[in-house]
């Protein structure tokens, strides 16, 4: 089993707010880098995931009501949100597995 690379080398996380380049009007504020540690990074990732899910839902509503000129923008946003959510679920599962492994260790 190969070790995981350091977190700094992973680059940008797949979670993040949907920006104007994703087809939503208006500019979104860029998230500030986490300075507090793992808890702050995890909180920021979950917040970004929530922003992405809400943004894709809003685009879906606009596509359904005819508010979008190109409905494929909504489709791409929904797929990005789905991928980000599935990634978050897998990260959660790995964290639970790690915690269970730690709790089984004898001191």
C-alpha atoms as a PDB file:
ATOM      1  CA  UNK A   1       0.000   0.000   0.000  1.00  0.00           C
ATOM      2  CA  UNK A   2       1.512   3.320  -1.039  1.00  0.00           C
ATOM      3  CA  UNK A   3       1.437   6.229   1.416  1.00  0.00           C
ATOM      4  CA  UNK A   4      -0.732   9.225   0.674  1.00  0.00           C
ATOM      5  CA  UNK A   5       0.979  12.416  -0.544  1.00  0.00           C
ATOM      6  CA  UNK A   6       1.181  15.368   1.864  1.00  0.00           C
ATOM      7  CA  UNK A   7      -1.952  17.519   1.925  1.00  0.00           C
ATOM      8  CA  UNK A   8      -0.076  20.533   0.548  1.00  0.00           C
ATOM      9  CA  UNK A   9       0.726  18.612  -2.644  1.00  0.00           C
ATOM     10  CA  UNK A  10      -2.891  17.679  -3.328  1.00  0.00           C
ATOM     11  CA  UNK A  11      -3.737  21.090  -4.751  1.00  0.00           C
ATOM     12  CA  UNK A  12      -7.243  22.494  -4.856  1.00  0.00           C
ATOM     13  CA  UNK A  13     -10.014  20.462  -3.291  1.00  0.00           C
ATOM     14  CA  UNK A  14     -12.891  19.418  -5.578  1.00  0.00           C
ATOM     15  CA  UNK A  15     -15.309  21.201  -3.282  1.00  0.00           C
ATOM     16  CA  UNK A  16     -15.797  24.880  -3.665  1.00  0.00           C
ATOM     17  CA  UNK A  17     -18.413  27.423  -4.492  1.00  0.00           C
ATOM     18  CA  UNK A  18     -19.734  27.633  -7.998  1.00  0.00           C
ATOM     19  CA  UNK A  19     -18.342  30.780  -9.539  1.00  0.00           C
ATOM     20  CA  UNK A  20     -19.416  33.100 -12.326  1.00  0.00           C
ATOM     21  CA  UNK A  21     -17.303  31.062 -14.738  1.00  0.00           C
ATOM     22  CA  UNK A  22     -19.623  28.121 -14.037  1.00  0.00           C
ATOM     23  CA  UNK A  23     -22.551  30.029 -15.511  1.00  0.00           C
ATOM     24  CA  UNK A  24     -24.021  31.859 -12.534  1.00  0.00           C
ATOM     25  CA  UNK A  25     -24.454  35.590 -12.852  1.00  0.00           C
ATOM     26  CA  UNK A  26     -22.516  37.734 -10.407  1.00  0.00           C
ATOM     27  CA  UNK A  27     -19.145  37.159  -8.849  1.00  0.00           C
ATOM     28  CA  UNK A  28     -18.678  34.850  -5.905  1.00  0.00           C
ATOM     29  CA  UNK A  29     -16.221  35.703  -3.167  1.00  0.00           C
ATOM     30  CA  UNK A  30     -13.138  33.497  -3.192  1.00  0.00           C
ATOM     31  CA  UNK A  31     -12.815  31.349  -0.057  1.00  0.00           C
ATOM     32  CA  UNK A  32     -10.032  32.380   2.309  1.00  0.00           C
ATOM     33  CA  UNK A  33      -7.291  29.815   2.884  1.00  0.00           C
ATOM     34  CA  UNK A  34      -7.617  27.858   6.110  1.00  0.00           C
ATOM     35  CA  UNK A  35      -5.113  29.036   8.695  1.00  0.00           C
ATOM     36  CA  UNK A  36      -6.313  27.132  11.766  1.00  0.00           C
ATOM     37  CA  UNK A  37      -5.588  23.534  10.864  1.00  0.00           C
ATOM     38  CA  UNK A  38      -7.438  20.399   9.937  1.00  0.00           C
ATOM     39  CA  UNK A  39     -10.733  21.355  11.594  1.00  0.00           C
ATOM     40  CA  UNK A  40     -10.882  24.689   9.798  1.00  0.00           C
ATOM     41  CA  UNK A  41      -9.925  23.060   6.500  1.00  0.00           C
ATOM     42  CA  UNK A  42     -12.632  20.438   6.927  1.00  0.00           C
ATOM     43  CA  UNK A  43     -15.193  23.082   7.867  1.00  0.00           C
ATOM     44  CA  UNK A  44     -14.247  25.142   4.819  1.00  0.00           C
ATOM     45  CA  UNK A  45     -14.534  22.107   2.541  1.00  0.00           C
ATOM     46  CA  UNK A  46     -17.996  21.294   3.888  1.00  0.00           C
ATOM     47  CA  UNK A  47     -19.070  24.908   3.500  1.00  0.00           C
ATOM     48  CA  UNK A  48     -17.787  24.924  -0.080  1.00  0.00           C
ATOM     49  CA  UNK A  49     -19.635  21.687  -0.788  1.00  0.00           C
ATOM     50  CA  UNK A  50     -22.837  23.190   0.576  1.00  0.00           C
ATOM     51  CA  UNK A  51     -22.366  26.303  -1.579  1.00  0.00           C
ATOM     52  CA  UNK A  52     -21.839  24.112  -4.627  1.00  0.00           C
ATOM     53  CA  UNK A  53     -24.960  22.027  -3.916  1.00  0.00           C
ATOM     54  CA  UNK A  54     -27.108  25.129  -3.354  1.00  0.00           C
ATOM     55  CA  UNK A  55     -25.740  26.758  -6.522  1.00  0.00           C
ATOM     56  CA  UNK A  56     -26.466  23.698  -8.641  1.00  0.00           C
ATOM     57  CA  UNK A  57     -29.976  23.488  -7.213  1.00  0.00           C
ATOM     58  CA  UNK A  58     -30.554  27.147  -8.082  1.00  0.00           C
ATOM     59  CA  UNK A  59     -29.314  26.565 -11.627  1.00  0.00           C
ATOM     60  CA  UNK A  60     -31.604  23.551 -11.961  1.00  0.00           C
ATOM     61  CA  UNK A  61     -34.575  25.673 -10.924  1.00  0.00           C
ATOM     62  CA  UNK A  62     -33.602  28.347 -13.432  1.00  0.00           C
ATOM     63  CA  UNK A  63     -33.270  25.739 -16.186  1.00  0.00           C
ATOM     64  CA  UNK A  64     -36.687  24.280 -15.323  1.00  0.00           C
ATOM     65  CA  UNK A  65     -38.387  27.688 -15.415  1.00  0.00           C
ATOM     66  CA  UNK A  66     -36.650  28.786 -18.620  1.00  0.00           C
ATOM     67  CA  UNK A  67     -34.380  31.294 -16.884  1.00  0.00           C
ATOM     68  CA  UNK A  68     -31.232  29.946 -18.523  1.00  0.00           C
ATOM     69  CA  UNK A  69     -30.377  30.405 -22.174  1.00  0.00           C
ATOM     70  CA  UNK A  70     -28.181  27.293 -22.106  1.00  0.00           C
ATOM     71  CA  UNK A  71     -29.533  24.513 -19.857  1.00  0.00           C
ATOM     72  CA  UNK A  72     -26.323  22.509 -20.225  1.00  0.00           C
ATOM     73  CA  UNK A  73     -24.769  24.928 -17.710  1.00  0.00           C
ATOM     74  CA  UNK A  74     -27.179  23.575 -15.106  1.00  0.00           C
ATOM     75  CA  UNK A  75     -26.379  20.002 -16.104  1.00  0.00           C
ATOM     76  CA  UNK A  76     -22.641  20.580 -15.710  1.00  0.00           C
ATOM     77  CA  UNK A  77     -23.160  22.277 -12.322  1.00  0.00           C
ATOM     78  CA  UNK A  78     -25.313  19.382 -11.086  1.00  0.00           C
ATOM     79  CA  UNK A  79     -22.712  16.841 -12.208  1.00  0.00           C
ATOM     80  CA  UNK A  80     -19.927  18.811 -10.498  1.00  0.00           C
ATOM     81  CA  UNK A  81     -21.980  18.970  -7.299  1.00  0.00           C
ATOM     82  CA  UNK A  82     -22.723  15.238  -7.517  1.00  0.00           C
ATOM     83  CA  UNK A  83     -19.042  14.429  -7.962  1.00  0.00           C
ATOM     84  CA  UNK A  84     -18.079  16.692  -5.045  1.00  0.00           C
ATOM     85  CA  UNK A  85     -20.745  15.128  -2.818  1.00  0.00           C
ATOM     86  CA  UNK A  86     -19.657  11.586  -3.690  1.00  0.00           C
ATOM     87  CA  UNK A  87     -16.045  12.551  -2.961  1.00  0.00           C
ATOM     88  CA  UNK A  88     -17.082  13.983   0.408  1.00  0.00           C
ATOM     89  CA  UNK A  89     -18.935  10.760   1.252  1.00  0.00           C
ATOM     90  CA  UNK A  90     -15.842   8.706   0.400  1.00  0.00           C
ATOM     91  CA  UNK A  91     -13.636  10.969   2.536  1.00  0.00           C
ATOM     92  CA  UNK A  92     -16.107  10.586   5.407  1.00  0.00           C
ATOM     93  CA  UNK A  93     -16.057   6.795   5.010  1.00  0.00           C
ATOM     94  CA  UNK A  94     -12.252   6.742   5.081  1.00  0.00           C
ATOM     95  CA  UNK A  95     -12.208   8.938   8.186  1.00  0.00           C
ATOM     96  CA  UNK A  96     -14.656   6.595   9.930  1.00  0.00           C
ATOM     97  CA  UNK A  97     -12.548   3.584   8.957  1.00  0.00           C
ATOM     98  CA  UNK A  98      -9.429   5.308  10.312  1.00  0.00           C
ATOM     99  CA  UNK A  99     -11.181   6.175  13.574  1.00  0.00           C
ATOM    100  CA  UNK A 100     -12.389   2.579  13.973  1.00  0.00           C
ATOM    101  CA  UNK A 101      -8.882   1.314  13.317  1.00  0.00           C
ATOM    102  CA  UNK A 102      -7.466   3.677  15.934  1.00  0.00           C
ATOM    103  CA  UNK A 103     -10.100   2.680  18.464  1.00  0.00           C
ATOM    104  CA  UNK A 104      -9.206  -1.007  18.012  1.00  0.00           C
ATOM    105  CA  UNK A 105      -5.537  -0.357  18.854  1.00  0.00           C
ATOM    106  CA  UNK A 106      -4.435  -1.483  22.271  1.00  0.00           C
ATOM    107  CA  UNK A 107      -2.523   0.999  24.363  1.00  0.00           C
END
